[in-house]
Amino acid sequence: MRDSGRYHKLPWGGGQITLPKDLVEALKLKNKDKVMLEYDEETNELKITKL
């Protein structure tokens, strides 16, 4: 599944990723679930895994 979201840089230097509702439902995420983000520099892909 491919979809787009938004990235917001926060004042303290961290960031927040906003995911579309369809992607949240596909990942079966609930409010405050923990996720792991992995970025593959060779393929320029971001992998999101629910913990």
N, C-alpha and C. Protein backbone atom coordinates (compact mmCIF):
# COMPACT_ATOMS: atom_id res chain seq x y z
N MET A 1 0.85 -1.17 0.00
CA MET A 1 0.00 0.00 0.00
C MET A 1 0.89 1.24 0.00
N ARG A 2 0.59 2.17 -0.86
CA ARG A 2 1.32 3.43 -0.88
C ARG A 2 0.35 4.54 -0.54
N ASP A 3 0.82 5.46 0.25
CA ASP A 3 -0.02 6.60 0.63
C ASP A 3 0.91 7.73 1.03
N SER A 4 0.38 8.89 1.21
CA SER A 4 1.21 10.01 1.62
C SER A 4 0.72 10.55 2.96
N GLY A 5 1.64 11.13 3.69
CA GLY A 5 1.31 11.73 4.96
C GLY A 5 2.05 13.06 5.07
N ARG A 6 2.16 13.56 6.26
CA ARG A 6 2.85 14.83 6.47
C ARG A 6 3.83 14.69 7.62
N TYR A 7 4.88 15.47 7.56
CA TYR A 7 5.87 15.51 8.63
C TYR A 7 5.88 16.91 9.19
N HIS A 8 5.81 17.03 10.51
CA HIS A 8 5.83 18.33 11.17
C HIS A 8 7.05 18.39 12.09
N LYS A 9 7.90 19.37 11.88
CA LYS A 9 9.04 19.55 12.78
C LYS A 9 8.56 20.34 14.00
N LEU A 10 8.89 19.83 15.17
CA LEU A 10 8.45 20.46 16.41
C LEU A 10 9.53 21.41 16.94
N PRO A 11 9.13 22.39 17.73
CA PRO A 11 10.07 23.42 18.21
C PRO A 11 11.28 22.86 18.96
N TRP A 12 11.14 21.74 19.65
CA TRP A 12 12.24 21.19 20.42
C TRP A 12 13.19 20.35 19.58
N GLY A 13 12.93 20.23 18.27
CA GLY A 13 13.84 19.53 17.37
C GLY A 13 13.36 18.18 16.91
N GLY A 14 12.37 17.61 17.58
CA GLY A 14 11.81 16.32 17.17
C GLY A 14 10.83 16.52 16.04
N GLY A 15 10.08 15.51 15.76
CA GLY A 15 9.11 15.61 14.68
C GLY A 15 7.89 14.74 14.91
N GLN A 16 6.91 14.94 14.07
CA GLN A 16 5.66 14.18 14.15
C GLN A 16 5.25 13.82 12.74
N ILE A 17 4.91 12.55 12.54
CA ILE A 17 4.44 12.10 11.24
C ILE A 17 2.93 11.89 11.33
N THR A 18 2.20 12.46 10.40
CA THR A 18 0.76 12.29 10.33
C THR A 18 0.45 11.30 9.22
N LEU A 19 -0.29 10.23 9.56
CA LEU A 19 -0.63 9.20 8.59
C LEU A 19 -2.08 9.32 8.17
N PRO A 20 -2.40 9.03 6.91
CA PRO A 20 -3.79 9.04 6.47
C PRO A 20 -4.61 7.95 7.18
N LYS A 21 -5.89 8.19 7.32
CA LYS A 21 -6.78 7.27 8.03
C LYS A 21 -6.74 5.87 7.43
N ASP A 22 -6.69 5.75 6.11
CA ASP A 22 -6.65 4.44 5.46
C ASP A 22 -5.42 3.65 5.87
N LEU A 23 -4.28 4.33 5.98
CA LEU A 23 -3.04 3.65 6.37
C LEU A 23 -3.09 3.25 7.84
N VAL A 24 -3.66 4.09 8.69
CA VAL A 24 -3.81 3.76 10.11
C VAL A 24 -4.68 2.51 10.26
N GLU A 25 -5.76 2.44 9.49
CA GLU A 25 -6.64 1.27 9.55
C GLU A 25 -5.92 0.03 9.03
N ALA A 26 -5.13 0.16 7.96
CA ALA A 26 -4.40 -0.98 7.41
C ALA A 26 -3.36 -1.51 8.40
N LEU A 27 -2.73 -0.60 9.15
CA LEU A 27 -1.74 -1.00 10.15
C LEU A 27 -2.38 -1.41 11.48
N LYS A 28 -3.71 -1.23 11.57
CA LYS A 28 -4.47 -1.54 12.78
C LYS A 28 -3.92 -0.79 14.00
N LEU A 29 -3.66 0.50 13.81
CA LEU A 29 -3.13 1.33 14.89
C LEU A 29 -4.26 1.94 15.70
N LYS A 30 -4.01 2.07 17.00
CA LYS A 30 -4.93 2.76 17.89
C LYS A 30 -4.17 3.93 18.50
N ASN A 31 -4.90 4.82 19.15
CA ASN A 31 -4.28 6.00 19.75
C ASN A 31 -3.17 5.59 20.71
N LYS A 32 -2.01 6.20 20.55
CA LYS A 32 -0.83 6.01 21.39
C LYS A 32 -0.18 4.64 21.27
N ASP A 33 -0.49 3.87 20.20
CA ASP A 33 0.25 2.63 19.94
C ASP A 33 1.69 2.99 19.63
N LYS A 34 2.60 2.09 19.98
CA LYS A 34 4.00 2.32 19.68
C LYS A 34 4.33 1.70 18.33
N VAL A 35 5.14 2.42 17.56
CA VAL A 35 5.56 1.94 16.24
C VAL A 35 7.07 2.07 16.12
N MET A 36 7.64 1.26 15.24
CA MET A 36 9.05 1.37 14.93
C MET A 36 9.16 1.87 13.49
N LEU A 37 10.00 2.88 13.31
CA LEU A 37 10.25 3.43 11.98
C LEU A 37 11.64 3.02 11.54
N GLU A 38 11.74 2.45 10.34
CA GLU A 38 13.03 2.06 9.79
C GLU A 38 13.17 2.68 8.41
N TYR A 39 14.27 3.35 8.17
CA TYR A 39 14.51 3.98 6.87
C TYR A 39 15.64 3.25 6.16
N ASP A 40 15.35 2.80 4.94
CA ASP A 40 16.34 2.11 4.13
C ASP A 40 16.94 3.13 3.15
N GLU A 41 18.21 3.48 3.37
CA GLU A 41 18.86 4.50 2.54
C GLU A 41 19.08 4.03 1.11
N GLU A 42 19.21 2.72 0.90
CA GLU A 42 19.43 2.21 -0.45
C GLU A 42 18.19 2.36 -1.32
N THR A 43 17.01 2.09 -0.75
CA THR A 43 15.78 2.16 -1.53
C THR A 43 14.97 3.42 -1.23
N ASN A 44 15.43 4.24 -0.27
CA ASN A 44 14.71 5.45 0.14
C ASN A 44 13.29 5.15 0.58
N GLU A 45 13.12 4.06 1.35
CA GLU A 45 11.81 3.67 1.83
C GLU A 45 11.76 3.72 3.35
N LEU A 46 10.61 4.12 3.85
CA LEU A 46 10.35 4.15 5.27
C LEU A 46 9.42 3.00 5.62
N LYS A 47 9.83 2.15 6.56
CA LYS A 47 9.03 1.01 6.98
C LYS A 47 8.45 1.31 8.36
N ILE A 48 7.13 1.11 8.51
CA ILE A 48 6.44 1.34 9.77
C ILE A 48 5.93 0.01 10.29
N THR A 49 6.34 -0.35 11.52
CA THR A 49 5.94 -1.60 12.12
C THR A 49 5.32 -1.33 13.48
N LYS A 50 4.14 -1.90 13.72
CA LYS A 50 3.49 -1.75 15.03
C LYS A 50 4.23 -2.65 16.02
N LEU A 51 4.53 -2.11 17.20
CA LEU A 51 5.21 -2.90 18.23
C LEU A 51 4.21 -3.50 19.19
